[in-house]
Amino acid sequence: QRRFPELLQLPPADVQATFAELTAAS
């Protein structure tokens, strides 16, 4: 949330997909 203050305004499934992509990409 500090990195992206609008986090809670995004569709929850999109956030989950992005968290998975963060793991895969890193």
PDB file of all heavy atoms in Angstrom:
ATOM      1  N   GLN A   1       0.820  -1.209   0.000  1.00  0.00           N
ATOM      2  CA  GLN A   1       0.000   0.000   0.000  1.00  0.00           C
ATOM      3  C   GLN A   1       0.858   1.264   0.000  1.00  0.00           C
ATOM      4  O   GLN A   1       0.483   2.272  -0.607  1.00  0.00           O
ATOM      5  CB  GLN A   1      -0.940  -0.002   1.205  1.00  0.00           C
ATOM      6  CG  GLN A   1      -2.087  -0.987   1.070  1.00  0.00           C
ATOM      7  CD  GLN A   1      -3.000  -0.958   2.271  1.00  0.00           C
ATOM      8  OE1 GLN A   1      -2.951  -1.830   3.139  1.00  0.00           O
ATOM      9  NE2 GLN A   1      -3.845   0.055   2.332  1.00  0.00           N
ATOM     10  N   ARG A   2       1.993   1.237   0.655  1.00  0.00           N
ATOM     11  CA  ARG A   2       2.894   2.388   0.602  1.00  0.00           C
ATOM     12  C   ARG A   2       3.448   2.577  -0.808  1.00  0.00           C
ATOM     13  O   ARG A   2       3.594   3.710  -1.286  1.00  0.00           O
ATOM     14  CB  ARG A   2       4.046   2.212   1.594  1.00  0.00           C
ATOM     15  CG  ARG A   2       3.647   2.357   3.054  1.00  0.00           C
ATOM     16  CD  ARG A   2       4.865   2.473   3.950  1.00  0.00           C
ATOM     17  NE  ARG A   2       5.748   1.319   3.869  1.00  0.00           N
ATOM     18  CZ  ARG A   2       5.629   0.240   4.634  1.00  0.00           C
ATOM     19  NH1 ARG A   2       4.648   0.167   5.529  1.00  0.00           N
ATOM     20  NH2 ARG A   2       6.485  -0.764   4.519  1.00  0.00           N
ATOM     21  N   ARG A   3       3.740   1.470  -1.482  1.00  0.00           N
ATOM     22  CA  ARG A   3       4.257   1.564  -2.838  1.00  0.00           C
ATOM     23  C   ARG A   3       3.181   2.017  -3.828  1.00  0.00           C
ATOM     24  O   ARG A   3       3.486   2.676  -4.825  1.00  0.00           O
ATOM     25  CB  ARG A   3       4.800   0.196  -3.302  1.00  0.00           C
ATOM     26  CG  ARG A   3       5.887  -0.414  -2.460  1.00  0.00           C
ATOM     27  CD  ARG A   3       7.216   0.253  -2.556  1.00  0.00           C
ATOM     28  NE  ARG A   3       7.657   0.538  -3.914  1.00  0.00           N
ATOM     29  CZ  ARG A   3       8.745   1.239  -4.208  1.00  0.00           C
ATOM     30  NH1 ARG A   3       9.480   1.758  -3.233  1.00  0.00           N
ATOM     31  NH2 ARG A   3       9.090   1.466  -5.445  1.00  0.00           N
ATOM     32  N   PHE A   4       1.913   1.640  -3.553  1.00  0.00           N
ATOM     33  CA  PHE A   4       0.814   1.930  -4.486  1.00  0.00           C
ATOM     34  C   PHE A   4      -0.430   2.275  -3.663  1.00  0.00           C
ATOM     35  O   PHE A   4      -1.230   1.407  -3.323  1.00  0.00           O
ATOM     36  CB  PHE A   4       0.546   0.711  -5.386  1.00  0.00           C
ATOM     37  CG  PHE A   4      -0.303   1.016  -6.584  1.00  0.00           C
ATOM     38  CD1 PHE A   4       0.265   1.504  -7.748  1.00  0.00           C
ATOM     39  CD2 PHE A   4      -1.678   0.794  -6.552  1.00  0.00           C
ATOM     40  CE1 PHE A   4      -0.518   1.766  -8.874  1.00  0.00           C
ATOM     41  CE2 PHE A   4      -2.466   1.057  -7.663  1.00  0.00           C
ATOM     42  CZ  PHE A   4      -1.880   1.553  -8.833  1.00  0.00           C
ATOM     43  N   PRO A   5      -0.611   3.539  -3.275  1.00  0.00           N
ATOM     44  CA  PRO A   5      -1.698   3.941  -2.366  1.00  0.00           C
ATOM     45  C   PRO A   5      -3.095   3.587  -2.864  1.00  0.00           C
ATOM     46  O   PRO A   5      -4.025   3.461  -2.058  1.00  0.00           O
ATOM     47  CB  PRO A   5      -1.516   5.457  -2.261  1.00  0.00           C
ATOM     48  CG  PRO A   5      -0.065   5.690  -2.547  1.00  0.00           C
ATOM     49  CD  PRO A   5       0.296   4.674  -3.574  1.00  0.00           C
ATOM     50  N   GLU A   6      -3.289   3.408  -4.182  1.00  0.00           N
ATOM     51  CA  GLU A   6      -4.612   3.083  -4.716  1.00  0.00           C
ATOM     52  C   GLU A   6      -4.896   1.584  -4.694  1.00  0.00           C
ATOM     53  O   GLU A   6      -5.882   1.125  -5.294  1.00  0.00           O
ATOM     54  CB  GLU A   6      -4.717   3.588  -6.162  1.00  0.00           C
ATOM     55  CG  GLU A   6      -4.532   5.080  -6.327  1.00  0.00           C
ATOM     56  CD  GLU A   6      -3.058   5.480  -6.415  1.00  0.00           C
ATOM     57  OE1 GLU A   6      -2.198   4.572  -6.525  1.00  0.00           O
ATOM     58  OE2 GLU A   6      -2.764   6.693  -6.364  1.00  0.00           O
ATOM     59  N   LEU A   7      -4.082   0.816  -4.003  1.00  0.00           N
ATOM     60  CA  LEU A   7      -4.199  -0.642  -4.009  1.00  0.00           C
ATOM     61  C   LEU A   7      -5.607  -1.131  -3.702  1.00  0.00           C
ATOM     62  O   LEU A   7      -6.157  -1.986  -4.408  1.00  0.00           O
ATOM     63  CB  LEU A   7      -3.218  -1.233  -2.992  1.00  0.00           C
ATOM     64  CG  LEU A   7      -3.231  -2.758  -2.841  1.00  0.00           C
ATOM     65  CD1 LEU A   7      -2.569  -3.406  -4.040  1.00  0.00           C
ATOM     66  CD2 LEU A   7      -2.521  -3.169  -1.555  1.00  0.00           C
ATOM     67  N   LEU A   8      -6.216  -0.591  -2.645  1.00  0.00           N
ATOM     68  CA  LEU A   8      -7.520  -1.090  -2.201  1.00  0.00           C
ATOM     69  C   LEU A   8      -8.648  -0.700  -3.155  1.00  0.00           C
ATOM     70  O   LEU A   8      -9.770  -1.200  -3.003  1.00  0.00           O
ATOM     71  CB  LEU A   8      -7.827  -0.587  -0.793  1.00  0.00           C
ATOM     72  CG  LEU A   8      -6.835  -1.012   0.296  1.00  0.00           C
ATOM     73  CD1 LEU A   8      -7.267  -0.474   1.650  1.00  0.00           C
ATOM     74  CD2 LEU A   8      -6.683  -2.527   0.346  1.00  0.00           C
ATOM     75  N   GLN A   9      -8.384   0.147  -4.116  1.00  0.00           N
ATOM     76  CA  GLN A   9      -9.402   0.534  -5.084  1.00  0.00           C
ATOM     77  C   GLN A   9      -9.435  -0.379  -6.305  1.00  0.00           C
ATOM     78  O   GLN A   9     -10.340  -0.283  -7.143  1.00  0.00           O
ATOM     79  CB  GLN A   9      -9.156   1.978  -5.533  1.00  0.00           C
ATOM     80  CG  GLN A   9      -9.207   2.990  -4.400  1.00  0.00           C
ATOM     81  CD  GLN A   9      -8.739   4.368  -4.838  1.00  0.00           C
ATOM     82  OE1 GLN A   9      -8.794   4.706  -6.013  1.00  0.00           O
ATOM     83  NE2 GLN A   9      -8.267   5.156  -3.874  1.00  0.00           N
ATOM     84  N   LEU A  10      -8.465  -1.283  -6.418  1.00  0.00           N
ATOM     85  CA  LEU A  10      -8.387  -2.181  -7.571  1.00  0.00           C
ATOM     86  C   LEU A  10      -9.256  -3.419  -7.353  1.00  0.00           C
ATOM     87  O   LEU A  10      -9.515  -3.815  -6.209  1.00  0.00           O
ATOM     88  CB  LEU A  10      -6.936  -2.611  -7.794  1.00  0.00           C
ATOM     89  CG  LEU A  10      -5.924  -1.499  -8.064  1.00  0.00           C
ATOM     90  CD1 LEU A  10      -4.533  -2.098  -8.236  1.00  0.00           C
ATOM     91  CD2 LEU A  10      -6.315  -0.696  -9.294  1.00  0.00           C
ATOM     92  N   PRO A  11      -9.720  -4.068  -8.430  1.00  0.00           N
ATOM     93  CA  PRO A  11     -10.443  -5.335  -8.286  1.00  0.00           C
ATOM     94  C   PRO A  11      -9.584  -6.346  -7.540  1.00  0.00           C
ATOM     95  O   PRO A  11      -8.410  -6.543  -7.885  1.00  0.00           O
ATOM     96  CB  PRO A  11     -10.692  -5.772  -9.735  1.00  0.00           C
ATOM     97  CG  PRO A  11     -10.662  -4.501 -10.524  1.00  0.00           C
ATOM     98  CD  PRO A  11      -9.638  -3.638  -9.845  1.00  0.00           C
ATOM     99  N   PRO A  12     -10.113  -7.005  -6.511  1.00  0.00           N
ATOM    100  CA  PRO A  12      -9.298  -7.910  -5.694  1.00  0.00           C
ATOM    101  C   PRO A  12      -8.596  -9.001  -6.499  1.00  0.00           C
ATOM    102  O   PRO A  12      -7.435  -9.326  -6.216  1.00  0.00           O
ATOM    103  CB  PRO A  12     -10.315  -8.501  -4.706  1.00  0.00           C
ATOM    104  CG  PRO A  12     -11.353  -7.430  -4.572  1.00  0.00           C
ATOM    105  CD  PRO A  12     -11.463  -6.820  -5.930  1.00  0.00           C
ATOM    106  N   ALA A  13      -9.269  -9.570  -7.484  1.00  0.00           N
ATOM    107  CA  ALA A  13      -8.626 -10.629  -8.266  1.00  0.00           C
ATOM    108  C   ALA A  13      -7.448 -10.090  -9.069  1.00  0.00           C
ATOM    109  O   ALA A  13      -6.452 -10.796  -9.272  1.00  0.00           O
ATOM    110  CB  ALA A  13      -9.641 -11.289  -9.199  1.00  0.00           C
ATOM    111  N   ASP A  14      -7.535  -8.840  -9.521  1.00  0.00           N
ATOM    112  CA  ASP A  14      -6.420  -8.237 -10.254  1.00  0.00           C
ATOM    113  C   ASP A  14      -5.207  -8.046  -9.341  1.00  0.00           C
ATOM    114  O   ASP A  14      -4.058  -8.235  -9.768  1.00  0.00           O
ATOM    115  CB  ASP A  14      -6.830  -6.892 -10.851  1.00  0.00           C
ATOM    116  CG  ASP A  14      -7.817  -7.025 -12.000  1.00  0.00           C
ATOM    117  OD1 ASP A  14      -8.178  -8.179 -12.352  1.00  0.00           O
ATOM    118  OD2 ASP A  14      -8.235  -5.990 -12.551  1.00  0.00           O
ATOM    119  N   VAL A  15      -5.468  -7.662  -8.102  1.00  0.00           N
ATOM    120  CA  VAL A  15      -4.364  -7.515  -7.145  1.00  0.00           C
ATOM    121  C   VAL A  15      -3.702  -8.871  -6.906  1.00  0.00           C
ATOM    122  O   VAL A  15      -2.465  -8.984  -6.897  1.00  0.00           O
ATOM    123  CB  VAL A  15      -4.860  -6.911  -5.824  1.00  0.00           C
ATOM    124  CG1 VAL A  15      -3.736  -6.893  -4.780  1.00  0.00           C
ATOM    125  CG2 VAL A  15      -5.393  -5.502  -6.045  1.00  0.00           C
ATOM    126  N   GLN A  16      -4.520  -9.907  -6.738  1.00  0.00           N
ATOM    127  CA  GLN A  16      -3.946 -11.242  -6.508  1.00  0.00           C
ATOM    128  C   GLN A  16      -3.122 -11.696  -7.709  1.00  0.00           C
ATOM    129  O   GLN A  16      -2.027 -12.255  -7.545  1.00  0.00           O
ATOM    130  CB  GLN A  16      -5.061 -12.255  -6.210  1.00  0.00           C
ATOM    131  CG  GLN A  16      -4.575 -13.627  -5.774  1.00  0.00           C
ATOM    132  CD  GLN A  16      -4.082 -13.654  -4.339  1.00  0.00           C
ATOM    133  OE1 GLN A  16      -3.768 -12.621  -3.749  1.00  0.00           O
ATOM    134  NE2 GLN A  16      -4.027 -14.842  -3.753  1.00  0.00           N
ATOM    135  N   ALA A  17      -3.624 -11.467  -8.905  1.00  0.00           N
ATOM    136  CA  ALA A  17      -2.866 -11.831 -10.105  1.00  0.00           C
ATOM    137  C   ALA A  17      -1.553 -11.054 -10.172  1.00  0.00           C
ATOM    138  O   ALA A  17      -0.513 -11.596 -10.575  1.00  0.00           O
ATOM    139  CB  ALA A  17      -3.704 -11.564 -11.346  1.00  0.00           C
ATOM    140  N   THR A  18      -1.591  -9.796  -9.752  1.00  0.00           N
ATOM    141  CA  THR A  18      -0.378  -8.973  -9.783  1.00  0.00           C
ATOM    142  C   THR A  18       0.619  -9.426  -8.734  1.00  0.00           C
ATOM    143  O   THR A  18       1.833  -9.439  -8.975  1.00  0.00           O
ATOM    144  CB  THR A  18      -0.739  -7.493  -9.586  1.00  0.00           C
ATOM    145  OG1 THR A  18      -1.744  -7.120 -10.537  1.00  0.00           O
ATOM    146  CG2 THR A  18       0.478  -6.605  -9.769  1.00  0.00           C
ATOM    147  N   PHE A  19       0.138  -9.817  -7.550  1.00  0.00           N
ATOM    148  CA  PHE A  19       1.046 -10.340  -6.525  1.00  0.00           C
ATOM    149  C   PHE A  19       1.720 -11.619  -7.021  1.00  0.00           C
ATOM    150  O   PHE A  19       2.919 -11.845  -6.777  1.00  0.00           O
ATOM    151  CB  PHE A  19       0.290 -10.608  -5.225  1.00  0.00           C
ATOM    152  CG  PHE A  19      -0.056  -9.381  -4.432  1.00  0.00           C
ATOM    153  CD1 PHE A  19      -1.052  -9.421  -3.465  1.00  0.00           C
ATOM    154  CD2 PHE A  19       0.614  -8.181  -4.638  1.00  0.00           C
ATOM    155  CE1 PHE A  19      -1.377  -8.293  -2.711  1.00  0.00           C
ATOM    156  CE2 PHE A  19       0.297  -7.040  -3.898  1.00  0.00           C
ATOM    157  CZ  PHE A  19      -0.703  -7.097  -2.935  1.00  0.00           C
ATOM    158  N   ALA A  20       0.971 -12.486  -7.696  1.00  0.00           N
ATOM    159  CA  ALA A  20       1.565 -13.701  -8.258  1.00  0.00           C
ATOM    160  C   ALA A  20       2.614 -13.348  -9.314  1.00  0.00           C
ATOM    161  O   ALA A  20       3.696 -13.951  -9.365  1.00  0.00           O
ATOM    162  CB  ALA A  20       0.485 -14.594  -8.862  1.00  0.00           C
ATOM    163  N   GLU A  21       2.288 -12.354 -10.145  1.00  0.00           N
ATOM    164  CA  GLU A  21       3.232 -11.934 -11.180  1.00  0.00           C
ATOM    165  C   GLU A  21       4.483 -11.321 -10.562  1.00  0.00           C
ATOM    166  O   GLU A  21       5.607 -11.493 -11.084  1.00  0.00           O
ATOM    167  CB  GLU A  21       2.569 -10.935 -12.121  1.00  0.00           C
ATOM    168  CG  GLU A  21       3.360 -10.627 -13.374  1.00  0.00           C
ATOM    169  CD  GLU A  21       3.397 -11.774 -14.370  1.00  0.00           C
ATOM    170  OE1 GLU A  21       2.663 -12.775 -14.183  1.00  0.00           O
ATOM    171  OE2 GLU A  21       4.177 -11.690 -15.338  1.00  0.00           O
ATOM    172  N   LEU A  22       4.330 -10.605  -9.448  1.00  0.00           N
ATOM    173  CA  LEU A  22       5.482 -10.046  -8.747  1.00  0.00           C
ATOM    174  C   LEU A  22       6.431 -11.155  -8.311  1.00  0.00           C
ATOM    175  O   LEU A  22       7.652 -11.054  -8.490  1.00  0.00           O
ATOM    176  CB  LEU A  22       5.016  -9.242  -7.536  1.00  0.00           C
ATOM    177  CG  LEU A  22       6.117  -8.736  -6.596  1.00  0.00           C
ATOM    178  CD1 LEU A  22       6.972  -7.684  -7.284  1.00  0.00           C
ATOM    179  CD2 LEU A  22       5.505  -8.178  -5.305  1.00  0.00           C
ATOM    180  N   THR A  23       5.880 -12.213  -7.743  1.00  0.00           N
ATOM    181  CA  THR A  23       6.707 -13.347  -7.334  1.00  0.00           C
ATOM    182  C   THR A  23       7.411 -13.958  -8.532  1.00  0.00           C
ATOM    183  O   THR A  23       8.629 -14.173  -8.523  1.00  0.00           O
ATOM    184  CB  THR A  23       5.850 -14.401  -6.622  1.00  0.00           C
ATOM    185  OG1 THR A  23       5.356 -13.861  -5.403  1.00  0.00           O
ATOM    186  CG2 THR A  23       6.654 -15.654  -6.328  1.00  0.00           C
ATOM    187  N   ALA A  24       6.638 -14.244  -9.592  1.00  0.00           N
ATOM    188  CA  ALA A  24       7.221 -14.880 -10.771  1.00  0.00           C
ATOM    189  C   ALA A  24       8.284 -13.993 -11.414  1.00  0.00           C
ATOM    190  O   ALA A  24       9.368 -14.461 -11.787  1.00  0.00           O
ATOM    191  CB  ALA A  24       6.121 -15.215 -11.773  1.00  0.00           C
ATOM    192  N   ALA A  25       7.994 -12.700 -11.535  1.00  0.00           N
ATOM    193  CA  ALA A  25       8.920 -11.787 -12.205  1.00  0.00           C
ATOM    194  C   ALA A  25      10.208 -11.600 -11.404  1.00  0.00           C
ATOM    195  O   ALA A  25      11.302 -11.542 -11.974  1.00  0.00           O
ATOM    196  CB  ALA A  25       8.242 -10.448 -12.439  1.00  0.00           C
ATOM    197  N   SER A  26      10.089 -11.495 -10.075  1.00  0.00           N
ATOM    198  CA  SER A  26      11.289 -11.292  -9.254  1.00  0.00           C
ATOM    199  C   SER A  26      12.159 -12.548  -9.226  1.00  0.00           C
ATOM    200  O   SER A  26      13.392 -12.467  -9.257  1.00  0.00           O
ATOM    201  CB  SER A  26      10.917 -10.835  -7.844  1.00  0.00           C
ATOM    202  OG  SER A  26       9.998 -11.715  -7.237  1.00  0.00           O
TER     203      SER A  26
END
